[in-house]
PDB file of all heavy atoms in Angstrom:
ATOM      1  N   PRO A   1      23.277   3.473   8.625  1.00  0.00           N
ATOM      2  CA  PRO A   1      22.497   2.376   9.220  1.00  0.00           C
ATOM      3  C   PRO A   1      21.448   1.851   8.242  1.00  0.00           C
ATOM      4  O   PRO A   1      20.874   2.594   7.456  1.00  0.00           O
ATOM      5  CB  PRO A   1      21.836   3.028  10.430  1.00  0.00           C
ATOM      6  CG  PRO A   1      21.829   4.487  10.124  1.00  0.00           C
ATOM      7  CD  PRO A   1      23.029   4.744   9.239  1.00  0.00           C
ATOM      8  N   ILE A   2      21.233   0.569   8.292  1.00  0.00           N
ATOM      9  CA  ILE A   2      20.224  -0.069   7.443  1.00  0.00           C
ATOM     10  C   ILE A   2      18.883   0.048   8.155  1.00  0.00           C
ATOM     11  O   ILE A   2      18.743  -0.383   9.300  1.00  0.00           O
ATOM     12  CB  ILE A   2      20.565  -1.545   7.186  1.00  0.00           C
ATOM     13  CG1 ILE A   2      21.896  -1.654   6.445  1.00  0.00           C
ATOM     14  CG2 ILE A   2      19.447  -2.242   6.413  1.00  0.00           C
ATOM     15  CD1 ILE A   2      22.400  -3.069   6.275  1.00  0.00           C
ATOM     16  N   PRO A   3      17.889   0.660   7.500  1.00  0.00           N
ATOM     17  CA  PRO A   3      16.579   0.784   8.153  1.00  0.00           C
ATOM     18  C   PRO A   3      15.927  -0.590   8.307  1.00  0.00           C
ATOM     19  O   PRO A   3      16.195  -1.507   7.530  1.00  0.00           O
ATOM     20  CB  PRO A   3      15.778   1.662   7.193  1.00  0.00           C
ATOM     21  CG  PRO A   3      16.451   1.521   5.885  1.00  0.00           C
ATOM     22  CD  PRO A   3      17.893   1.226   6.171  1.00  0.00           C
ATOM     23  N   PRO A   4      15.071  -0.741   9.317  1.00  0.00           N
ATOM     24  CA  PRO A   4      14.387  -2.030   9.491  1.00  0.00           C
ATOM     25  C   PRO A   4      13.485  -2.326   8.297  1.00  0.00           C
ATOM     26  O   PRO A   4      12.956  -1.414   7.674  1.00  0.00           O
ATOM     27  CB  PRO A   4      13.567  -1.839  10.768  1.00  0.00           C
ATOM     28  CG  PRO A   4      13.447  -0.368  10.943  1.00  0.00           C
ATOM     29  CD  PRO A   4      14.653   0.247  10.290  1.00  0.00           C
ATOM     30  N   ARG A   5      13.343  -3.580   7.996  1.00  0.00           N
ATOM     31  CA  ARG A   5      12.524  -4.002   6.859  1.00  0.00           C
ATOM     32  C   ARG A   5      11.041  -3.907   7.204  1.00  0.00           C
ATOM     33  O   ARG A   5      10.637  -4.129   8.339  1.00  0.00           O
ATOM     34  CB  ARG A   5      12.863  -5.426   6.448  1.00  0.00           C
ATOM     35  CG  ARG A   5      14.313  -5.596   6.020  1.00  0.00           C
ATOM     36  CD  ARG A   5      14.578  -4.820   4.756  1.00  0.00           C
ATOM     37  NE  ARG A   5      15.972  -4.931   4.387  1.00  0.00           N
ATOM     38  CZ  ARG A   5      16.716  -3.932   3.977  1.00  0.00           C
ATOM     39  NH1 ARG A   5      16.200  -2.730   3.912  1.00  0.00           N
ATOM     40  NH2 ARG A   5      17.958  -4.103   3.644  1.00  0.00           N
ATOM     41  N   SER A   6      10.241  -3.618   6.209  1.00  0.00           N
ATOM     42  CA  SER A   6       8.798  -3.524   6.389  1.00  0.00           C
ATOM     43  C   SER A   6       8.190  -4.914   6.498  1.00  0.00           C
ATOM     44  O   SER A   6       8.645  -5.858   5.860  1.00  0.00           O
ATOM     45  CB  SER A   6       8.178  -2.795   5.200  1.00  0.00           C
ATOM     46  OG  SER A   6       6.774  -2.813   5.292  1.00  0.00           O
ATOM     47  N   ARG A   7       7.159  -5.023   7.291  1.00  0.00           N
ATOM     48  CA  ARG A   7       6.416  -6.278   7.389  1.00  0.00           C
ATOM     49  C   ARG A   7       5.299  -6.328   6.366  1.00  0.00           C
ATOM     50  O   ARG A   7       4.619  -7.330   6.229  1.00  0.00           O
ATOM     51  CB  ARG A   7       5.813  -6.419   8.788  1.00  0.00           C
ATOM     52  CG  ARG A   7       6.865  -6.420   9.863  1.00  0.00           C
ATOM     53  CD  ARG A   7       6.315  -6.618  11.227  1.00  0.00           C
ATOM     54  NE  ARG A   7       5.091  -5.882  11.494  1.00  0.00           N
ATOM     55  CZ  ARG A   7       4.359  -6.046  12.561  1.00  0.00           C
ATOM     56  NH1 ARG A   7       4.727  -6.909  13.477  1.00  0.00           N
ATOM     57  NH2 ARG A   7       3.258  -5.350  12.756  1.00  0.00           N
ATOM     58  N   LEU A   8       5.120  -5.239   5.626  1.00  0.00           N
ATOM     59  CA  LEU A   8       4.028  -5.144   4.656  1.00  0.00           C
ATOM     60  C   LEU A   8       4.468  -5.656   3.292  1.00  0.00           C
ATOM     61  O   LEU A   8       5.649  -5.610   2.941  1.00  0.00           O
ATOM     62  CB  LEU A   8       3.554  -3.694   4.538  1.00  0.00           C
ATOM     63  CG  LEU A   8       3.081  -3.053   5.836  1.00  0.00           C
ATOM     64  CD1 LEU A   8       2.775  -1.591   5.607  1.00  0.00           C
ATOM     65  CD2 LEU A   8       1.887  -3.790   6.391  1.00  0.00           C
ATOM     66  N   TYR A   9       3.504  -6.134   2.524  1.00  0.00           N
ATOM     67  CA  TYR A   9       3.785  -6.593   1.168  1.00  0.00           C
ATOM     68  C   TYR A   9       4.259  -5.430   0.302  1.00  0.00           C
ATOM     69  O   TYR A   9       3.856  -4.291   0.493  1.00  0.00           O
ATOM     70  CB  TYR A   9       2.530  -7.184   0.521  1.00  0.00           C
ATOM     71  CG  TYR A   9       1.960  -8.380   1.236  1.00  0.00           C
ATOM     72  CD1 TYR A   9       0.597  -8.475   1.459  1.00  0.00           C
ATOM     73  CD2 TYR A   9       2.769  -9.412   1.684  1.00  0.00           C
ATOM     74  CE1 TYR A   9       0.049  -9.574   2.104  1.00  0.00           C
ATOM     75  CE2 TYR A   9       2.237 -10.503   2.334  1.00  0.00           C
ATOM     76  CZ  TYR A   9       0.888 -10.583   2.543  1.00  0.00           C
ATOM     77  OH  TYR A   9       0.351 -11.660   3.183  1.00  0.00           O
ATOM     78  N   ASN A  10       5.098  -5.727  -0.647  1.00  0.00           N
ATOM     79  CA  ASN A  10       5.594  -4.728  -1.580  1.00  0.00           C
ATOM     80  C   ASN A  10       4.700  -4.747  -2.822  1.00  0.00           C
ATOM     81  O   ASN A  10       4.998  -5.408  -3.804  1.00  0.00           O
ATOM     82  CB  ASN A  10       7.047  -5.038  -1.940  1.00  0.00           C
ATOM     83  CG  ASN A  10       7.640  -3.999  -2.855  1.00  0.00           C
ATOM     84  OD1 ASN A  10       7.139  -2.896  -2.963  1.00  0.00           O
ATOM     85  ND2 ASN A  10       8.718  -4.355  -3.520  1.00  0.00           N
ATOM     86  N   LEU A  11       3.581  -4.035  -2.749  1.00  0.00           N
ATOM     87  CA  LEU A  11       2.645  -3.987  -3.875  1.00  0.00           C
ATOM     88  C   LEU A  11       3.081  -2.918  -4.869  1.00  0.00           C
ATOM     89  O   LEU A  11       3.474  -1.824  -4.482  1.00  0.00           O
ATOM     90  CB  LEU A  11       1.232  -3.646  -3.399  1.00  0.00           C
ATOM     91  CG  LEU A  11       0.550  -4.616  -2.448  1.00  0.00           C
ATOM     92  CD1 LEU A  11      -0.843  -4.110  -2.106  1.00  0.00           C
ATOM     93  CD2 LEU A  11       0.477  -5.990  -3.053  1.00  0.00           C
ATOM     94  N   GLU A  12       2.991  -3.243  -6.130  1.00  0.00           N
ATOM     95  CA  GLU A  12       3.279  -2.277  -7.187  1.00  0.00           C
ATOM     96  C   GLU A  12       2.055  -1.380  -7.372  1.00  0.00           C
ATOM     97  O   GLU A  12       0.944  -1.881  -7.541  1.00  0.00           O
ATOM     98  CB  GLU A  12       3.581  -3.017  -8.485  1.00  0.00           C
ATOM     99  CG  GLU A  12       4.015  -2.141  -9.619  1.00  0.00           C
ATOM    100  CD  GLU A  12       5.419  -1.599  -9.449  1.00  0.00           C
ATOM    101  OE1 GLU A  12       6.230  -2.228  -8.755  1.00  0.00           O
ATOM    102  OE2 GLU A  12       5.690  -0.533 -10.019  1.00  0.00           O
ATOM    103  N   PRO A  13       2.231  -0.061  -7.302  1.00  0.00           N
ATOM    104  CA  PRO A  13       1.089   0.822  -7.556  1.00  0.00           C
ATOM    105  C   PRO A  13       0.536   0.602  -8.962  1.00  0.00           C
ATOM    106  O   PRO A  13       1.281   0.325  -9.906  1.00  0.00           O
ATOM    107  CB  PRO A  13       1.677   2.223  -7.410  1.00  0.00           C
ATOM    108  CG  PRO A  13       2.886   2.039  -6.553  1.00  0.00           C
ATOM    109  CD  PRO A  13       3.425   0.677  -6.909  1.00  0.00           C
ATOM    110  N   ILE A  14      -0.766   0.725  -9.104  1.00  0.00           N
ATOM    111  CA  ILE A  14      -1.433   0.501 -10.389  1.00  0.00           C
ATOM    112  C   ILE A  14      -1.294   1.745 -11.261  1.00  0.00           C
ATOM    113  O   ILE A  14      -1.460   2.870 -10.799  1.00  0.00           O
ATOM    114  CB  ILE A  14      -2.921   0.172 -10.158  1.00  0.00           C
ATOM    115  CG1 ILE A  14      -3.051  -1.142  -9.389  1.00  0.00           C
ATOM    116  CG2 ILE A  14      -3.689   0.111 -11.474  1.00  0.00           C
ATOM    117  CD1 ILE A  14      -4.453  -1.461  -8.923  1.00  0.00           C
ATOM    118  N   GLY A  15      -0.980   1.552 -12.524  1.00  0.00           N
ATOM    119  CA  GLY A  15      -0.993   2.627 -13.510  1.00  0.00           C
ATOM    120  C   GLY A  15       0.210   3.552 -13.520  1.00  0.00           C
ATOM    121  O   GLY A  15       0.111   4.660 -14.039  1.00  0.00           O
ATOM    122  N   ILE A  16       1.330   3.125 -12.994  1.00  0.00           N
ATOM    123  CA  ILE A  16       2.516   3.993 -12.999  1.00  0.00           C
ATOM    124  C   ILE A  16       2.891   4.328 -14.441  1.00  0.00           C
ATOM    125  O   ILE A  16       2.901   3.468 -15.307  1.00  0.00           O
ATOM    126  CB  ILE A  16       3.697   3.321 -12.270  1.00  0.00           C
ATOM    127  CG1 ILE A  16       3.393   3.269 -10.799  1.00  0.00           C
ATOM    128  CG2 ILE A  16       5.005   4.030 -12.550  1.00  0.00           C
ATOM    129  CD1 ILE A  16       4.534   2.981  -9.897  1.00  0.00           C
ATOM    130  N   GLY A  17       3.176   5.598 -14.684  1.00  0.00           N
ATOM    131  CA  GLY A  17       3.555   6.051 -16.012  1.00  0.00           C
ATOM    132  C   GLY A  17       2.370   6.372 -16.906  1.00  0.00           C
ATOM    133  O   GLY A  17       2.554   6.649 -18.090  1.00  0.00           O
ATOM    134  N   THR A  18       1.178   6.321 -16.349  1.00  0.00           N
ATOM    135  CA  THR A  18      -0.020   6.656 -17.121  1.00  0.00           C
ATOM    136  C   THR A  18      -0.783   7.759 -16.398  1.00  0.00           C
ATOM    137  O   THR A  18      -0.518   8.025 -15.222  1.00  0.00           O
ATOM    138  CB  THR A  18      -0.964   5.433 -17.271  1.00  0.00           C
ATOM    139  OG1 THR A  18      -1.598   5.181 -16.016  1.00  0.00           O
ATOM    140  CG2 THR A  18      -0.215   4.194 -17.735  1.00  0.00           C
ATOM    141  N   PRO A  19      -1.727   8.389 -17.066  1.00  0.00           N
ATOM    142  CA  PRO A  19      -2.542   9.404 -16.385  1.00  0.00           C
ATOM    143  C   PRO A  19      -3.488   8.794 -15.344  1.00  0.00           C
ATOM    144  O   PRO A  19      -4.126   9.509 -14.594  1.00  0.00           O
ATOM    145  CB  PRO A  19      -3.355  10.039 -17.512  1.00  0.00           C
ATOM    146  CG  PRO A  19      -2.764   9.578 -18.786  1.00  0.00           C
ATOM    147  CD  PRO A  19      -1.981   8.344 -18.503  1.00  0.00           C
ATOM    148  N   TYR A  20      -3.573   7.473 -15.297  1.00  0.00           N
ATOM    149  CA  TYR A  20      -4.511   6.792 -14.413  1.00  0.00           C
ATOM    150  C   TYR A  20      -3.813   6.133 -13.224  1.00  0.00           C
ATOM    151  O   TYR A  20      -4.264   5.118 -12.719  1.00  0.00           O
ATOM    152  CB  TYR A  20      -5.303   5.749 -15.203  1.00  0.00           C
ATOM    153  CG  TYR A  20      -5.962   6.349 -16.407  1.00  0.00           C
ATOM    154  CD1 TYR A  20      -5.461   6.121 -17.675  1.00  0.00           C
ATOM    155  CD2 TYR A  20      -7.060   7.201 -16.264  1.00  0.00           C
ATOM    156  CE1 TYR A  20      -6.044   6.703 -18.782  1.00  0.00           C
ATOM    157  CE2 TYR A  20      -7.652   7.783 -17.369  1.00  0.00           C
ATOM    158  CZ  TYR A  20      -7.145   7.537 -18.618  1.00  0.00           C
ATOM    159  OH  TYR A  20      -7.723   8.120 -19.717  1.00  0.00           O
ATOM    160  N   VAL A  21      -2.742   6.733 -12.771  1.00  0.00           N
ATOM    161  CA  VAL A  21      -1.983   6.164 -11.659  1.00  0.00           C
ATOM    162  C   VAL A  21      -2.834   6.139 -10.386  1.00  0.00           C
ATOM    163  O   VAL A  21      -3.656   7.023 -10.135  1.00  0.00           O
ATOM    164  CB  VAL A  21      -0.659   6.931 -11.430  1.00  0.00           C
ATOM    165  CG1 VAL A  21      -0.920   8.331 -10.917  1.00  0.00           C
ATOM    166  CG2 VAL A  21       0.252   6.179 -10.501  1.00  0.00           C
ATOM    167  N   GLU A  22      -2.659   5.101  -9.612  1.00  0.00           N
ATOM    168  CA  GLU A  22      -3.406   4.895  -8.376  1.00  0.00           C
ATOM    169  C   GLU A  22      -3.072   5.974  -7.345  1.00  0.00           C
ATOM    170  O   GLU A  22      -1.913   6.360  -7.185  1.00  0.00           O
ATOM    171  CB  GLU A  22      -3.023   3.520  -7.819  1.00  0.00           C
ATOM    172  CG  GLU A  22      -3.698   3.107  -6.568  1.00  0.00           C
ATOM    173  CD  GLU A  22      -3.331   1.687  -6.166  1.00  0.00           C
ATOM    174  OE1 GLU A  22      -2.183   1.262  -6.407  1.00  0.00           O
ATOM    175  OE2 GLU A  22      -4.205   1.012  -5.623  1.00  0.00           O
ATOM    176  N   SER A  23      -4.074   6.426  -6.616  1.00  0.00           N
ATOM    177  CA  SER A  23      -3.851   7.428  -5.571  1.00  0.00           C
ATOM    178  C   SER A  23      -3.250   6.760  -4.337  1.00  0.00           C
ATOM    179  O   SER A  23      -3.321   5.531  -4.171  1.00  0.00           O
ATOM    180  CB  SER A  23      -5.171   8.097  -5.185  1.00  0.00           C
ATOM    181  OG  SER A  23      -6.008   7.162  -4.526  1.00  0.00           O
ATOM    182  N   LEU A  24      -2.684   7.564  -3.455  1.00  0.00           N
ATOM    183  CA  LEU A  24      -2.138   7.035  -2.204  1.00  0.00           C
ATOM    184  C   LEU A  24      -3.239   6.389  -1.374  1.00  0.00           C
ATOM    185  O   LEU A  24      -3.049   5.317  -0.797  1.00  0.00           O
ATOM    186  CB  LEU A  24      -1.456   8.150  -1.407  1.00  0.00           C
ATOM    187  CG  LEU A  24      -0.883   7.741  -0.051  1.00  0.00           C
ATOM    188  CD1 LEU A  24       0.153   6.641  -0.210  1.00  0.00           C
ATOM    189  CD2 LEU A  24      -0.286   8.956   0.648  1.00  0.00           C
ATOM    190  N   THR A  25      -4.403   7.022  -1.352  1.00  0.00           N
ATOM    191  CA  THR A  25      -5.537   6.463  -0.612  1.00  0.00           C
ATOM    192  C   THR A  25      -5.912   5.090  -1.162  1.00  0.00           C
ATOM    193  O   THR A  25      -6.105   4.139  -0.401  1.00  0.00           O
ATOM    194  CB  THR A  25      -6.748   7.411  -0.688  1.00  0.00           C
ATOM    195  OG1 THR A  25      -6.371   8.687  -0.188  1.00  0.00           O
ATOM    196  CG2 THR A  25      -7.922   6.871   0.104  1.00  0.00           C
ATOM    197  N   GLY A  26      -6.001   4.975  -2.479  1.00  0.00           N
ATOM    198  CA  GLY A  26      -6.324   3.697  -3.098  1.00  0.00           C
ATOM    199  C   GLY A  26      -5.284   2.640  -2.805  1.00  0.00           C
ATOM    200  O   GLY A  26      -5.605   1.473  -2.556  1.00  0.00           O
ATOM    201  N   TYR A  27      -4.014   3.042  -2.808  1.00  0.00           N
ATOM    202  CA  TYR A  27      -2.927   2.104  -2.518  1.00  0.00           C
ATOM    203  C   TYR A  27      -3.031   1.583  -1.087  1.00  0.00           C
ATOM    204  O   TYR A  27      -2.902   0.387  -0.844  1.00  0.00           O
ATOM    205  CB  TYR A  27      -1.577   2.787  -2.748  1.00  0.00           C
ATOM    206  CG  TYR A  27      -0.408   1.873  -2.502  1.00  0.00           C
ATOM    207  CD1 TYR A  27       0.011   0.980  -3.468  1.00  0.00           C
ATOM    208  CD2 TYR A  27       0.274   1.897  -1.285  1.00  0.00           C
ATOM    209  CE1 TYR A  27       1.083   0.130  -3.244  1.00  0.00           C
ATOM    210  CE2 TYR A  27       1.338   1.054  -1.051  1.00  0.00           C
ATOM    211  CZ  TYR A  27       1.742   0.176  -2.030  1.00  0.00           C
ATOM    212  OH  TYR A  27       2.789  -0.673  -1.805  1.00  0.00           O
ATOM    213  N   VAL A  28      -3.275   2.479  -0.128  1.00  0.00           N
ATOM    214  CA  VAL A  28      -3.377   2.075   1.280  1.00  0.00           C
ATOM    215  C   VAL A  28      -4.570   1.141   1.489  1.00  0.00           C
ATOM    216  O   VAL A  28      -4.460   0.136   2.200  1.00  0.00           O
ATOM    217  CB  VAL A  28      -3.454   3.313   2.201  1.00  0.00           C
ATOM    218  CG1 VAL A  28      -3.792   2.922   3.625  1.00  0.00           C
ATOM    219  CG2 VAL A  28      -2.140   4.086   2.165  1.00  0.00           C
ATOM    220  N   ILE A  29      -5.684   1.426   0.851  1.00  0.00           N
ATOM    221  CA  ILE A  29      -6.853   0.557   0.951  1.00  0.00           C
ATOM    222  C   ILE A  29      -6.539  -0.824   0.384  1.00  0.00           C
ATOM    223  O   ILE A  29      -6.856  -1.853   0.991  1.00  0.00           O
ATOM    224  CB  ILE A  29      -8.066   1.184   0.229  1.00  0.00           C
ATOM    225  CG1 ILE A  29      -8.527   2.431   0.987  1.00  0.00           C
ATOM    226  CG2 ILE A  29      -9.200   0.181   0.062  1.00  0.00           C
ATOM    227  CD1 ILE A  29      -9.527   3.288   0.222  1.00  0.00           C
ATOM    228  N   ARG A  30      -5.902  -0.861  -0.765  1.00  0.00           N
ATOM    229  CA  ARG A  30      -5.558  -2.144  -1.394  1.00  0.00           C
ATOM    230  C   ARG A  30      -4.545  -2.924  -0.552  1.00  0.00           C
ATOM    231  O   ARG A  30      -4.632  -4.146  -0.410  1.00  0.00           O
ATOM    232  CB  ARG A  30      -5.004  -1.876  -2.801  1.00  0.00           C
ATOM    233  CG  ARG A  30      -4.985  -3.070  -3.701  1.00  0.00           C
ATOM    234  CD  ARG A  30      -4.807  -2.668  -5.144  1.00  0.00           C
ATOM    235  NE  ARG A  30      -3.651  -1.851  -5.402  1.00  0.00           N
ATOM    236  CZ  ARG A  30      -2.451  -2.330  -5.751  1.00  0.00           C
ATOM    237  NH1 ARG A  30      -2.282  -3.622  -5.898  1.00  0.00           N
ATOM    238  NH2 ARG A  30      -1.446  -1.506  -5.979  1.00  0.00           N
ATOM    239  N   LEU A  31      -3.597  -2.215   0.053  1.00  0.00           N
ATOM    240  CA  LEU A  31      -2.608  -2.850   0.921  1.00  0.00           C
ATOM    241  C   LEU A  31      -3.285  -3.480   2.142  1.00  0.00           C
ATOM    242  O   LEU A  31      -2.971  -4.610   2.519  1.00  0.00           O
ATOM    243  CB  LEU A  31      -1.561  -1.825   1.352  1.00  0.00           C
ATOM    244  CG  LEU A  31      -0.364  -2.329   2.130  1.00  0.00           C
ATOM    245  CD1 LEU A  31       0.420  -3.363   1.331  1.00  0.00           C
ATOM    246  CD2 LEU A  31       0.535  -1.167   2.513  1.00  0.00           C
ATOM    247  N   ALA A  32      -4.226  -2.770   2.736  1.00  0.00           N
ATOM    248  CA  ALA A  32      -4.968  -3.311   3.874  1.00  0.00           C
ATOM    249  C   ALA A  32      -5.740  -4.564   3.458  1.00  0.00           C
ATOM    250  O   ALA A  32      -5.750  -5.567   4.191  1.00  0.00           O
ATOM    251  CB  ALA A  32      -5.912  -2.251   4.439  1.00  0.00           C
ATOM    252  N   GLU A  33      -6.377  -4.513   2.301  1.00  0.00           N
ATOM    253  CA  GLU A  33      -7.128  -5.673   1.810  1.00  0.00           C
ATOM    254  C   GLU A  33      -6.219  -6.881   1.622  1.00  0.00           C
ATOM    255  O   GLU A  33      -6.592  -8.009   1.944  1.00  0.00           O
ATOM    256  CB  GLU A  33      -7.831  -5.340   0.505  1.00  0.00           C
ATOM    257  CG  GLU A  33      -9.005  -4.406   0.665  1.00  0.00           C
ATOM    258  CD  GLU A  33      -9.595  -3.953  -0.661  1.00  0.00           C
ATOM    259  OE1 GLU A  33      -9.001  -4.220  -1.727  1.00  0.00           O
ATOM    260  OE2 GLU A  33     -10.669  -3.324  -0.621  1.00  0.00           O
ATOM    261  N   GLN A  34      -5.027  -6.672   1.107  1.00  0.00           N
ATOM    262  CA  GLN A  34      -4.086  -7.774   0.893  1.00  0.00           C
ATOM    263  C   GLN A  34      -3.658  -8.416   2.209  1.00  0.00           C
ATOM    264  O   GLN A  34      -3.305  -9.589   2.248  1.00  0.00           O
ATOM    265  CB  GLN A  34      -2.856  -7.287   0.127  1.00  0.00           C
ATOM    266  CG  GLN A  34      -3.119  -6.962  -1.320  1.00  0.00           C
ATOM    267  CD  GLN A  34      -3.507  -8.199  -2.109  1.00  0.00           C
ATOM    268  OE1 GLN A  34      -2.841  -9.231  -2.036  1.00  0.00           O
ATOM    269  NE2 GLN A  34      -4.591  -8.101  -2.841  1.00  0.00           N
ATOM    270  N   HIS A  35      -3.662  -7.635   3.286  1.00  0.00           N
ATOM    271  CA  HIS A  35      -3.285  -8.143   4.607  1.00  0.00           C
ATOM    272  C   HIS A  35      -4.497  -8.612   5.414  1.00  0.00           C
ATOM    273  O   HIS A  35      -4.345  -8.996   6.569  1.00  0.00           O
ATOM    274  CB  HIS A  35      -2.523  -7.060   5.386  1.00  0.00           C
ATOM    275  CG  HIS A  35      -1.125  -6.883   4.908  1.00  0.00           C
ATOM    276  ND1 HIS A  35      -0.085  -7.679   5.322  1.00  0.00           N
ATOM    277  CD2 HIS A  35      -0.585  -6.016   4.025  1.00  0.00           C
ATOM    278  CE1 HIS A  35       1.028  -7.316   4.734  1.00  0.00           C
ATOM    279  NE2 HIS A  35       0.749  -6.298   3.928  1.00  0.00           N
ATOM    280  N   CYS A  36      -5.690  -8.556   4.802  1.00  0.00           N
ATOM    281  CA  CYS A  36      -6.939  -8.998   5.449  1.00  0.00           C
ATOM    282  C   CYS A  36      -7.201  -8.254   6.753  1.00  0.00           C
ATOM    283  O   CYS A  36      -7.599  -8.847   7.770  1.00  0.00           O
ATOM    284  CB  CYS A  36      -6.929 -10.508   5.687  1.00  0.00           C
ATOM    285  SG  CYS A  36      -6.799 -11.457   4.170  1.00  0.00           S
ATOM    286  N   ILE A  37      -6.941  -6.941   6.730  1.00  0.00           N
ATOM    287  CA  ILE A  37      -7.240  -6.079   7.866  1.00  0.00           C
ATOM    288  C   ILE A  37      -7.946  -4.835   7.348  1.00  0.00           C
ATOM    289  O   ILE A  37      -7.955  -4.571   6.142  1.00  0.00           O
ATOM    290  CB  ILE A  37      -5.976  -5.681   8.661  1.00  0.00           C
ATOM    291  CG1 ILE A  37      -4.974  -4.920   7.782  1.00  0.00           C
ATOM    292  CG2 ILE A  37      -5.331  -6.897   9.305  1.00  0.00           C
ATOM    293  CD1 ILE A  37      -3.776  -4.384   8.530  1.00  0.00           C
ATOM    294  N   THR A  38      -8.532  -4.074   8.250  1.00  0.00           N
ATOM    295  CA  THR A  38      -9.187  -2.846   7.826  1.00  0.00           C
ATOM    296  C   THR A  38      -8.140  -1.766   7.564  1.00  0.00           C
ATOM    297  O   THR A  38      -7.006  -1.836   8.059  1.00  0.00           O
ATOM    298  CB  THR A  38     -10.162  -2.340   8.904  1.00  0.00           C
ATOM    299  OG1 THR A  38      -9.419  -1.956  10.061  1.00  0.00           O
ATOM    300  CG2 THR A  38     -11.196  -3.386   9.259  1.00  0.00           C
ATOM    301  N   THR A  39      -8.533  -0.774   6.808  1.00  0.00           N
ATOM    302  CA  THR A  39      -7.635   0.347   6.545  1.00  0.00           C
ATOM    303  C   THR A  39      -7.273   1.028   7.859  1.00  0.00           C
ATOM    304  O   THR A  39      -6.127   1.428   8.075  1.00  0.00           O
ATOM    305  CB  THR A  39      -8.295   1.346   5.580  1.00  0.00           C
ATOM    306  OG1 THR A  39      -8.675   0.641   4.394  1.00  0.00           O
ATOM    307  CG2 THR A  39      -7.359   2.468   5.214  1.00  0.00           C
ATOM    308  N   ARG A  40      -8.242   1.150   8.749  1.00  0.00           N
ATOM    309  CA  ARG A  40      -7.996   1.755  10.060  1.00  0.00           C
ATOM    310  C   ARG A  40      -6.920   0.986  10.833  1.00  0.00           C
ATOM    311  O   ARG A  40      -6.008   1.576  11.408  1.00  0.00           O
ATOM    312  CB  ARG A  40      -9.301   1.790  10.863  1.00  0.00           C
ATOM    313  CG  ARG A  40      -9.154   2.325  12.266  1.00  0.00           C
ATOM    314  CD  ARG A  40     -10.499   2.269  13.003  1.00  0.00           C
ATOM    315  NE  ARG A  40     -10.354   2.422  14.424  1.00  0.00           N
ATOM    316  CZ  ARG A  40     -10.246   3.581  15.050  1.00  0.00           C
ATOM    317  NH1 ARG A  40     -10.244   4.699  14.361  1.00  0.00           N
ATOM    318  NH2 ARG A  40     -10.125   3.633  16.355  1.00  0.00           N
ATOM    319  N   GLN A  41      -7.019  -0.348  10.853  1.00  0.00           N
ATOM    320  CA  GLN A  41      -6.021  -1.158  11.548  1.00  0.00           C
ATOM    321  C   GLN A  41      -4.628  -0.957  10.941  1.00  0.00           C
ATOM    322  O   GLN A  41      -3.643  -0.861  11.670  1.00  0.00           O
ATOM    323  CB  GLN A  41      -6.385  -2.639  11.493  1.00  0.00           C
ATOM    324  CG  GLN A  41      -7.564  -3.018  12.349  1.00  0.00           C
ATOM    325  CD  GLN A  41      -7.969  -4.459  12.112  1.00  0.00           C
ATOM    326  OE1 GLN A  41      -8.154  -4.882  10.968  1.00  0.00           O
ATOM    327  NE2 GLN A  41      -8.124  -5.211  13.183  1.00  0.00           N
ATOM    328  N   LEU A  42      -4.556  -0.901   9.627  1.00  0.00           N
ATOM    329  CA  LEU A  42      -3.278  -0.694   8.955  1.00  0.00           C
ATOM    330  C   LEU A  42      -2.676   0.644   9.353  1.00  0.00           C
ATOM    331  O   LEU A  42      -1.497   0.728   9.713  1.00  0.00           O
ATOM    332  CB  LEU A  42      -3.449  -0.767   7.437  1.00  0.00           C
ATOM    333  CG  LEU A  42      -2.173  -0.540   6.627  1.00  0.00           C
ATOM    334  CD1 LEU A  42      -1.231  -1.716   6.775  1.00  0.00           C
ATOM    335  CD2 LEU A  42      -2.497  -0.291   5.184  1.00  0.00           C
ATOM    336  N   LEU A  43      -3.482   1.689   9.320  1.00  0.00           N
ATOM    337  CA  LEU A  43      -2.987   3.018   9.654  1.00  0.00           C
ATOM    338  C   LEU A  43      -2.570   3.122  11.118  1.00  0.00           C
ATOM    339  O   LEU A  43      -1.502   3.651  11.428  1.00  0.00           O
ATOM    340  CB  LEU A  43      -4.033   4.078   9.328  1.00  0.00           C
ATOM    341  CG  LEU A  43      -4.305   4.281   7.841  1.00  0.00           C
ATOM    342  CD1 LEU A  43      -5.501   5.194   7.647  1.00  0.00           C
ATOM    343  CD2 LEU A  43      -3.085   4.836   7.140  1.00  0.00           C
ATOM    344  N   LEU A  44      -3.399   2.620  12.025  1.00  0.00           N
ATOM    345  CA  LEU A  44      -3.106   2.758  13.453  1.00  0.00           C
ATOM    346  C   LEU A  44      -1.970   1.849  13.936  1.00  0.00           C
ATOM    347  O   LEU A  44      -1.180   2.257  14.791  1.00  0.00           O
ATOM    348  CB  LEU A  44      -4.362   2.467  14.282  1.00  0.00           C
ATOM    349  CG  LEU A  44      -5.492   3.496  14.163  1.00  0.00           C
ATOM    350  CD1 LEU A  44      -6.700   3.040  14.975  1.00  0.00           C
ATOM    351  CD2 LEU A  44      -5.023   4.864  14.606  1.00  0.00           C
TER     352      LEU A  44
END
């Protein structure tokens, strides 16, 4: 079965392949900002 598509933007994590790769927490915060919602709203 094909899983349903995400409604969220497909953001590229910052710093992939470097020692300075973005944390999951940082990614979620940035994703919420891109959608103009709070991190809490995104998570819930």
